[in-house]
């Protein structure tokens, strides 16, 4: 009888490990970041406090490019009039940003006129505020991500 119990095999297949979320999401988010001009999430969250409410209503932060002491911050604005107003306040804005990020963190500010308007700050953290660009692009990317995860789960 003991021999019969030893020959009994487990009928359940071994479970696969959960997919690595970083690996599964990397391709989806890398394409999204290239499309939407990724901005630092912390900078976006604190933008109204850093830039001030008047400037924050005119623009939003974009990419932070460069390395070391020669870094440039892109500022996106919806109109030429707002771009002109921001151009006059560039030095003051650069000083405020350097107070937040650290001394000498930004050496230049580039103002980019884009069709996407500055997003109003409601006091609550919104997922769209972390990524510059159209909220529809984020929704599309997240839907694509969900579909990829569902396909992987179905294949198990």
N, C-alpha and C. Protein backbone atom coordinates (compact mmCIF):
# COMPACT_ATOMS: atom_id res chain seq x y z
N UNK A 1 0.83 -1.19 0.00
CA UNK A 1 0.00 0.00 0.00
C UNK A 1 0.87 1.25 0.00
N UNK A 2 1.94 1.18 0.71
CA UNK A 2 2.85 2.31 0.76
C UNK A 2 3.45 2.57 -0.62
N UNK A 3 3.72 1.57 -1.36
CA UNK A 3 4.29 1.70 -2.69
C UNK A 3 3.29 2.38 -3.63
N UNK A 4 2.01 2.12 -3.49
CA UNK A 4 0.98 2.73 -4.33
C UNK A 4 0.89 4.22 -4.07
N UNK A 5 1.07 4.64 -2.84
CA UNK A 5 1.01 6.06 -2.51
C UNK A 5 2.20 6.80 -3.11
N UNK A 6 3.34 6.20 -3.22
CA UNK A 6 4.52 6.85 -3.76
C UNK A 6 4.42 7.02 -5.27
N UNK A 7 3.70 6.16 -5.95
CA UNK A 7 3.55 6.26 -7.40
C UNK A 7 2.53 7.31 -7.81
N UNK A 8 1.77 7.81 -6.85
CA UNK A 8 0.76 8.83 -7.14
C UNK A 8 1.44 10.15 -7.48
N UNK A 9 1.13 10.68 -8.66
CA UNK A 9 1.73 11.94 -9.09
C UNK A 9 0.77 13.09 -8.83
N UNK A 10 1.33 14.24 -8.64
CA UNK A 10 0.53 15.44 -8.45
C UNK A 10 -0.17 15.75 -9.77
N UNK A 11 -1.48 15.95 -9.74
CA UNK A 11 -2.23 16.19 -10.97
C UNK A 11 -2.26 17.66 -11.36
N UNK A 12 -1.90 18.51 -10.47
CA UNK A 12 -1.90 19.94 -10.78
C UNK A 12 -0.58 20.33 -11.45
N UNK A 13 -0.68 21.10 -12.51
CA UNK A 13 0.57 21.57 -13.13
C UNK A 13 1.22 22.63 -12.23
N UNK A 14 2.51 22.73 -12.36
CA UNK A 14 3.20 23.74 -11.56
C UNK A 14 2.82 25.12 -12.07
N UNK A 15 2.69 26.04 -11.15
CA UNK A 15 2.30 27.40 -11.51
C UNK A 15 3.50 28.19 -12.01
N UNK A 16 3.24 28.98 -13.00
CA UNK A 16 4.27 29.90 -13.47
C UNK A 16 4.37 31.07 -12.50
N UNK A 17 5.51 31.67 -12.49
CA UNK A 17 5.68 32.87 -11.68
C UNK A 17 4.92 34.01 -12.34
N UNK A 18 4.54 34.99 -11.54
CA UNK A 18 3.85 36.15 -12.08
C UNK A 18 4.78 36.88 -13.05
N UNK A 19 4.22 37.47 -14.10
CA UNK A 19 5.09 38.18 -15.05
C UNK A 19 5.75 39.37 -14.38
N UNK A 20 6.94 39.67 -14.81
CA UNK A 20 7.66 40.81 -14.29
C UNK A 20 7.00 42.07 -14.83
N UNK A 21 6.42 42.87 -13.95
CA UNK A 21 5.66 44.05 -14.36
C UNK A 21 6.56 45.07 -15.06
N UNK A 22 7.79 45.17 -14.63
CA UNK A 22 8.72 46.11 -15.26
C UNK A 22 9.00 45.73 -16.69
N UNK A 23 9.22 44.47 -16.93
CA UNK A 23 9.52 44.00 -18.28
C UNK A 23 8.29 44.10 -19.17
N UNK A 24 7.12 43.76 -18.62
CA UNK A 24 5.89 43.79 -19.41
C UNK A 24 5.48 45.22 -19.77
N UNK A 25 5.75 46.16 -18.89
CA UNK A 25 5.31 47.54 -19.14
C UNK A 25 6.36 48.40 -19.82
N UNK A 26 7.59 47.95 -19.90
CA UNK A 26 8.68 48.79 -20.43
C UNK A 26 8.43 49.23 -21.86
N UNK A 27 8.03 48.32 -22.72
CA UNK A 27 7.85 48.69 -24.13
C UNK A 27 6.67 49.64 -24.30
N UNK A 28 5.60 49.41 -23.55
CA UNK A 28 4.42 50.27 -23.67
C UNK A 28 4.75 51.68 -23.20
N UNK A 29 5.39 51.78 -22.05
CA UNK A 29 5.67 53.10 -21.50
C UNK A 29 6.80 53.81 -22.22
N UNK A 30 7.76 53.09 -22.77
CA UNK A 30 8.85 53.76 -23.49
C UNK A 30 8.31 54.45 -24.74
N UNK A 31 7.39 53.79 -25.45
CA UNK A 31 6.77 54.44 -26.62
C UNK A 31 5.96 55.65 -26.21
N UNK A 32 5.22 55.53 -25.11
CA UNK A 32 4.40 56.63 -24.62
C UNK A 32 5.27 57.82 -24.21
N UNK A 33 6.36 57.55 -23.54
CA UNK A 33 7.23 58.62 -23.09
C UNK A 33 7.86 59.36 -24.27
N UNK A 34 8.22 58.64 -25.32
CA UNK A 34 8.78 59.29 -26.50
C UNK A 34 7.74 60.18 -27.19
N UNK A 35 6.50 59.72 -27.20
CA UNK A 35 5.43 60.47 -27.86
C UNK A 35 5.05 61.72 -27.09
N UNK A 36 5.05 61.65 -25.78
CA UNK A 36 4.46 62.71 -24.97
C UNK A 36 5.45 63.65 -24.30
N UNK A 37 6.73 63.54 -24.61
CA UNK A 37 7.74 64.39 -23.98
C UNK A 37 7.69 64.28 -22.46
N UNK A 38 8.14 63.19 -21.96
CA UNK A 38 8.11 62.89 -20.54
C UNK A 38 8.68 64.01 -19.69
N UNK A 39 7.97 64.35 -18.66
CA UNK A 39 8.44 65.32 -17.67
C UNK A 39 8.56 64.60 -16.33
N UNK A 40 9.46 65.07 -15.50
CA UNK A 40 9.66 64.49 -14.18
C UNK A 40 8.36 64.58 -13.39
N UNK A 41 7.82 63.47 -12.90
CA UNK A 41 6.54 63.51 -12.17
C UNK A 41 6.56 64.43 -10.96
N UNK A 42 7.65 64.46 -10.22
CA UNK A 42 7.72 65.32 -9.04
C UNK A 42 7.66 66.79 -9.46
N UNK A 43 8.33 67.12 -10.55
CA UNK A 43 8.30 68.50 -11.05
C UNK A 43 6.89 68.88 -11.49
N UNK A 44 6.19 67.96 -12.14
CA UNK A 44 4.81 68.22 -12.57
C UNK A 44 3.87 68.39 -11.38
N UNK A 45 4.04 67.54 -10.37
CA UNK A 45 3.18 67.63 -9.19
C UNK A 45 3.34 68.96 -8.46
N UNK A 46 4.55 69.43 -8.38
CA UNK A 46 4.83 70.65 -7.62
C UNK A 46 4.94 71.89 -8.50
N UNK A 47 4.62 71.78 -9.79
CA UNK A 47 4.78 72.89 -10.72
C UNK A 47 4.08 74.18 -10.28
N UNK A 48 2.82 74.14 -9.83
CA UNK A 48 2.18 75.40 -9.39
C UNK A 48 2.91 76.05 -8.21
N UNK A 49 3.48 75.25 -7.32
CA UNK A 49 4.23 75.81 -6.19
C UNK A 49 5.59 76.35 -6.63
N UNK A 50 6.21 75.69 -7.59
CA UNK A 50 7.54 76.10 -8.06
C UNK A 50 7.44 77.35 -8.91
N UNK A 51 6.58 77.31 -9.92
CA UNK A 51 6.50 78.40 -10.89
C UNK A 51 5.63 79.55 -10.41
N UNK A 52 4.73 79.28 -9.50
CA UNK A 52 3.76 80.28 -9.09
C UNK A 52 2.48 80.09 -9.88
N UNK A 53 1.36 80.50 -9.32
CA UNK A 53 0.08 80.23 -9.98
C UNK A 53 -0.09 80.95 -11.32
N UNK A 54 0.47 82.14 -11.47
CA UNK A 54 0.32 82.88 -12.74
C UNK A 54 1.07 82.18 -13.86
N UNK A 55 2.32 81.79 -13.59
CA UNK A 55 3.13 81.13 -14.62
C UNK A 55 2.61 79.72 -14.88
N UNK A 56 2.19 79.00 -13.84
CA UNK A 56 1.69 77.64 -13.99
C UNK A 56 0.43 77.61 -14.85
N UNK A 57 -0.35 78.70 -14.83
CA UNK A 57 -1.55 78.76 -15.66
C UNK A 57 -1.20 78.93 -17.14
N UNK A 58 0.00 79.42 -17.43
CA UNK A 58 0.42 79.67 -18.80
C UNK A 58 1.15 78.49 -19.45
N UNK A 59 1.74 77.63 -18.63
CA UNK A 59 2.62 76.61 -19.21
C UNK A 59 2.68 75.37 -18.34
N UNK A 60 3.41 74.39 -18.83
CA UNK A 60 3.68 73.16 -18.08
C UNK A 60 5.10 72.72 -18.39
N UNK A 61 5.73 72.00 -17.48
CA UNK A 61 7.11 71.55 -17.74
C UNK A 61 7.13 70.41 -18.75
N UNK A 62 8.22 70.33 -19.47
CA UNK A 62 8.41 69.25 -20.44
C UNK A 62 9.65 68.46 -20.09
N UNK A 63 10.42 68.10 -21.11
CA UNK A 63 11.62 67.29 -20.90
C UNK A 63 12.72 68.07 -20.21
N UNK A 64 13.48 67.36 -19.44
CA UNK A 64 14.70 67.88 -18.83
C UNK A 64 15.83 67.16 -19.54
N UNK A 65 16.58 67.90 -20.37
CA UNK A 65 17.62 67.27 -21.18
C UNK A 65 19.00 67.74 -20.75
N UNK A 66 19.99 67.00 -21.17
CA UNK A 66 21.37 67.34 -20.85
C UNK A 66 21.84 66.63 -19.61
N UNK A 67 23.14 66.75 -19.35
CA UNK A 67 23.74 66.11 -18.18
C UNK A 67 24.64 67.11 -17.49
N UNK A 68 24.82 66.88 -16.22
CA UNK A 68 25.73 67.71 -15.46
C UNK A 68 25.26 69.15 -15.37
N UNK A 69 26.19 70.08 -15.53
CA UNK A 69 25.84 71.49 -15.33
C UNK A 69 25.13 72.13 -16.53
N UNK A 70 24.99 71.43 -17.62
CA UNK A 70 24.40 72.01 -18.82
C UNK A 70 23.06 71.37 -19.13
N UNK A 71 22.07 71.56 -18.25
CA UNK A 71 20.76 70.96 -18.45
C UNK A 71 19.75 72.00 -18.90
N UNK A 72 18.82 71.55 -19.73
CA UNK A 72 17.80 72.43 -20.29
C UNK A 72 16.43 71.87 -19.96
N UNK A 73 15.53 72.75 -19.53
CA UNK A 73 14.15 72.36 -19.26
C UNK A 73 13.27 72.94 -20.35
N UNK A 74 12.48 72.08 -20.97
CA UNK A 74 11.50 72.55 -21.95
C UNK A 74 10.24 72.96 -21.21
N UNK A 75 9.72 74.11 -21.57
CA UNK A 75 8.46 74.59 -21.02
C UNK A 75 7.48 74.66 -22.19
N UNK A 76 6.33 74.01 -22.07
CA UNK A 76 5.34 73.98 -23.14
C UNK A 76 4.23 74.98 -22.84
N UNK A 77 3.90 75.75 -23.84
CA UNK A 77 2.86 76.77 -23.70
C UNK A 77 1.94 76.71 -24.92
N UNK A 78 0.66 77.05 -24.78
CA UNK A 78 -0.28 76.89 -25.88
C UNK A 78 -0.31 78.03 -26.90
N UNK A 79 0.26 79.19 -26.57
CA UNK A 79 0.13 80.31 -27.50
C UNK A 79 1.40 81.15 -27.56
N UNK A 80 1.51 81.93 -28.61
CA UNK A 80 2.65 82.82 -28.77
C UNK A 80 2.65 83.93 -27.74
N UNK A 81 1.46 84.40 -27.35
CA UNK A 81 1.38 85.46 -26.34
C UNK A 81 1.91 84.95 -25.00
N UNK A 82 1.53 83.74 -24.65
CA UNK A 82 2.02 83.16 -23.39
C UNK A 82 3.53 82.92 -23.47
N UNK A 83 4.01 82.51 -24.65
CA UNK A 83 5.45 82.28 -24.83
C UNK A 83 6.22 83.58 -24.64
N UNK A 84 5.70 84.68 -25.17
CA UNK A 84 6.34 85.98 -25.00
C UNK A 84 6.37 86.40 -23.54
N UNK A 85 5.27 86.20 -22.85
CA UNK A 85 5.21 86.54 -21.44
C UNK A 85 6.19 85.69 -20.63
N UNK A 86 6.29 84.42 -20.97
CA UNK A 86 7.22 83.53 -20.27
C UNK A 86 8.68 83.90 -20.57
N UNK A 87 8.94 84.33 -21.80
CA UNK A 87 10.30 84.70 -22.17
C UNK A 87 10.82 85.83 -21.29
N UNK A 88 9.93 86.75 -20.94
CA UNK A 88 10.33 87.87 -20.08
C UNK A 88 10.58 87.43 -18.64
N UNK A 89 10.02 86.30 -18.24
CA UNK A 89 10.14 85.83 -16.87
C UNK A 89 11.08 84.62 -16.75
N UNK A 90 11.87 84.35 -17.77
CA UNK A 90 12.71 83.16 -17.81
C UNK A 90 13.72 83.12 -16.67
N UNK A 91 14.40 84.22 -16.41
CA UNK A 91 15.43 84.23 -15.36
C UNK A 91 14.82 83.98 -13.97
N UNK A 92 13.69 84.60 -13.69
CA UNK A 92 13.02 84.39 -12.40
C UNK A 92 12.54 82.94 -12.28
N UNK A 93 12.01 82.40 -13.37
CA UNK A 93 11.54 81.01 -13.36
C UNK A 93 12.71 80.04 -13.18
N UNK A 94 13.82 80.32 -13.84
CA UNK A 94 15.00 79.48 -13.70
C UNK A 94 15.49 79.48 -12.25
N UNK A 95 15.47 80.64 -11.61
CA UNK A 95 15.89 80.72 -10.21
C UNK A 95 14.96 79.91 -9.30
N UNK A 96 13.66 79.98 -9.56
CA UNK A 96 12.70 79.19 -8.75
C UNK A 96 12.91 77.69 -8.94
N UNK A 97 13.12 77.28 -10.18
CA UNK A 97 13.32 75.85 -10.47
C UNK A 97 14.61 75.38 -9.81
N UNK A 98 15.67 76.18 -9.87
CA UNK A 98 16.94 75.81 -9.24
C UNK A 98 16.83 75.76 -7.73
N UNK A 99 15.95 76.57 -7.14
CA UNK A 99 15.72 76.45 -5.69
C UNK A 99 15.08 75.10 -5.36
N UNK A 100 14.22 74.62 -6.24
CA UNK A 100 13.55 73.34 -6.01
C UNK A 100 14.45 72.14 -6.32
N UNK A 101 15.12 72.16 -7.49
CA UNK A 101 15.94 71.02 -7.93
C UNK A 101 17.36 71.04 -7.38
N UNK A 102 17.82 72.19 -6.95
CA UNK A 102 19.18 72.30 -6.44
C UNK A 102 19.94 73.36 -7.22
N UNK A 103 20.96 73.93 -6.62
CA UNK A 103 21.70 75.01 -7.26
C UNK A 103 22.31 74.59 -8.60
N UNK A 104 22.07 75.39 -9.61
CA UNK A 104 22.65 75.14 -10.93
C UNK A 104 22.08 73.94 -11.67
N UNK A 105 20.94 73.41 -11.25
CA UNK A 105 20.36 72.23 -11.89
C UNK A 105 19.91 72.54 -13.32
N UNK A 106 19.41 73.75 -13.55
CA UNK A 106 18.94 74.17 -14.86
C UNK A 106 19.78 75.36 -15.30
N UNK A 107 20.35 75.27 -16.49
CA UNK A 107 21.10 76.41 -17.02
C UNK A 107 20.32 77.15 -18.10
N UNK A 108 19.39 76.45 -18.75
CA UNK A 108 18.60 77.05 -19.82
C UNK A 108 17.16 76.61 -19.72
N UNK A 109 16.29 77.47 -20.20
CA UNK A 109 14.88 77.13 -20.35
C UNK A 109 14.53 77.36 -21.81
N UNK A 110 13.94 76.35 -22.42
CA UNK A 110 13.48 76.46 -23.80
C UNK A 110 11.97 76.49 -23.79
N UNK A 111 11.40 77.49 -24.43
CA UNK A 111 9.94 77.61 -24.47
C UNK A 111 9.47 77.03 -25.80
N UNK A 112 8.56 76.06 -25.71
CA UNK A 112 8.04 75.36 -26.87
C UNK A 112 6.55 75.65 -26.97
N UNK A 113 6.14 76.20 -28.09
CA UNK A 113 4.73 76.44 -28.31
C UNK A 113 4.11 75.16 -28.86
N UNK A 114 3.13 74.61 -28.13
CA UNK A 114 2.50 73.36 -28.55
C UNK A 114 0.99 73.50 -28.46
N UNK A 115 0.30 72.62 -29.11
CA UNK A 115 -1.16 72.68 -29.15
C UNK A 115 -1.79 72.29 -27.83
N UNK A 116 -1.05 71.62 -26.97
CA UNK A 116 -1.58 71.17 -25.70
C UNK A 116 -1.49 72.31 -24.69
N UNK A 117 -2.63 72.68 -24.14
CA UNK A 117 -2.68 73.79 -23.18
C UNK A 117 -2.17 73.34 -21.83
N UNK A 118 -1.84 74.31 -21.01
CA UNK A 118 -1.43 74.01 -19.64
C UNK A 118 -2.60 73.39 -18.90
N UNK A 119 -2.31 72.39 -18.08
CA UNK A 119 -3.38 71.71 -17.37
C UNK A 119 -3.64 72.43 -16.05
N UNK A 120 -4.91 72.71 -15.76
CA UNK A 120 -5.20 73.38 -14.50
C UNK A 120 -4.92 72.48 -13.32
N UNK A 121 -4.43 73.05 -12.24
CA UNK A 121 -4.12 72.28 -11.04
C UNK A 121 -5.33 72.28 -10.13
N UNK A 122 -5.85 71.10 -9.80
CA UNK A 122 -7.05 71.00 -8.98
C UNK A 122 -6.74 70.69 -7.53
N UNK A 123 -5.47 70.53 -7.20
CA UNK A 123 -5.12 70.19 -5.84
C UNK A 123 -5.01 68.70 -5.61
N UNK A 124 -5.58 67.91 -6.52
CA UNK A 124 -5.47 66.46 -6.42
C UNK A 124 -4.50 65.98 -7.48
N UNK A 125 -3.75 64.96 -7.13
CA UNK A 125 -2.80 64.41 -8.10
C UNK A 125 -3.57 63.61 -9.13
N UNK A 126 -3.40 63.98 -10.40
CA UNK A 126 -4.07 63.28 -11.48
C UNK A 126 -3.03 62.53 -12.28
N UNK A 127 -3.34 61.32 -12.76
CA UNK A 127 -2.37 60.57 -13.55
C UNK A 127 -1.91 61.33 -14.78
N UNK A 128 -2.80 62.09 -15.42
CA UNK A 128 -2.44 62.81 -16.62
C UNK A 128 -1.41 63.89 -16.34
N UNK A 129 -1.38 64.42 -15.12
CA UNK A 129 -0.45 65.50 -14.81
C UNK A 129 0.99 65.01 -14.79
N UNK A 130 1.21 63.71 -14.72
CA UNK A 130 2.57 63.19 -14.70
C UNK A 130 3.16 63.09 -16.09
N UNK A 131 2.33 63.09 -17.08
CA UNK A 131 2.83 62.89 -18.42
C UNK A 131 2.34 64.04 -19.28
N UNK A 132 3.28 64.69 -19.93
CA UNK A 132 2.93 65.79 -20.81
C UNK A 132 2.25 65.22 -22.05
N UNK A 133 1.25 65.87 -22.51
CA UNK A 133 0.61 65.44 -23.74
C UNK A 133 -0.85 65.14 -23.55
N UNK A 134 -1.43 64.55 -24.54
CA UNK A 134 -2.85 64.28 -24.57
C UNK A 134 -3.19 63.12 -23.65
N UNK A 135 -4.21 63.28 -22.84
CA UNK A 135 -4.65 62.22 -21.94
C UNK A 135 -5.13 61.00 -22.70
N UNK A 136 -5.57 61.19 -23.93
CA UNK A 136 -6.02 60.06 -24.74
C UNK A 136 -4.86 59.12 -25.06
N UNK A 137 -3.66 59.69 -25.24
CA UNK A 137 -2.50 58.85 -25.51
C UNK A 137 -2.19 57.96 -24.31
N UNK A 138 -2.33 58.50 -23.12
CA UNK A 138 -2.12 57.71 -21.91
C UNK A 138 -3.16 56.60 -21.81
N UNK A 139 -4.42 56.94 -22.08
CA UNK A 139 -5.49 55.94 -22.03
C UNK A 139 -5.25 54.82 -23.03
N UNK A 140 -4.80 55.19 -24.22
CA UNK A 140 -4.50 54.19 -25.25
C UNK A 140 -3.36 53.29 -24.82
N UNK A 141 -2.32 53.89 -24.25
CA UNK A 141 -1.17 53.09 -23.81
C UNK A 141 -1.57 52.16 -22.67
N UNK A 142 -2.37 52.64 -21.73
CA UNK A 142 -2.79 51.78 -20.62
C UNK A 142 -3.70 50.65 -21.11
N UNK A 143 -4.55 50.94 -22.09
CA UNK A 143 -5.39 49.88 -22.67
C UNK A 143 -4.53 48.83 -23.34
N UNK A 144 -3.51 49.28 -24.06
CA UNK A 144 -2.59 48.35 -24.71
C UNK A 144 -1.86 47.50 -23.67
N UNK A 145 -1.46 48.13 -22.58
CA UNK A 145 -0.78 47.42 -21.49
C UNK A 145 -1.70 46.36 -20.89
N UNK A 146 -2.97 46.74 -20.61
CA UNK A 146 -3.93 45.78 -20.05
C UNK A 146 -4.15 44.61 -21.00
N UNK A 147 -4.26 44.90 -22.30
CA UNK A 147 -4.48 43.84 -23.28
C UNK A 147 -3.29 42.89 -23.33
N UNK A 148 -2.07 43.41 -23.24
CA UNK A 148 -0.87 42.56 -23.25
C UNK A 148 -0.85 41.65 -22.03
N UNK A 149 -1.19 42.19 -20.88
CA UNK A 149 -1.22 41.37 -19.65
C UNK A 149 -2.31 40.31 -19.76
N UNK A 150 -3.48 40.67 -20.28
CA UNK A 150 -4.56 39.69 -20.44
C UNK A 150 -4.18 38.59 -21.40
N UNK A 151 -3.47 38.94 -22.50
CA UNK A 151 -3.02 37.91 -23.44
C UNK A 151 -2.05 36.96 -22.77
N UNK A 152 -1.13 37.49 -21.98
CA UNK A 152 -0.16 36.64 -21.29
C UNK A 152 -0.85 35.73 -20.29
N UNK A 153 -1.85 36.25 -19.59
CA UNK A 153 -2.58 35.44 -18.60
C UNK A 153 -3.40 34.37 -19.28
N UNK A 154 -3.96 34.62 -20.46
CA UNK A 154 -4.73 33.61 -21.20
C UNK A 154 -3.84 32.48 -21.68
N UNK A 155 -2.59 32.79 -22.03
CA UNK A 155 -1.68 31.78 -22.58
C UNK A 155 -1.20 30.80 -21.51
N UNK A 156 -1.41 31.09 -20.27
CA UNK A 156 -0.90 30.22 -19.19
C UNK A 156 -1.61 28.92 -19.13
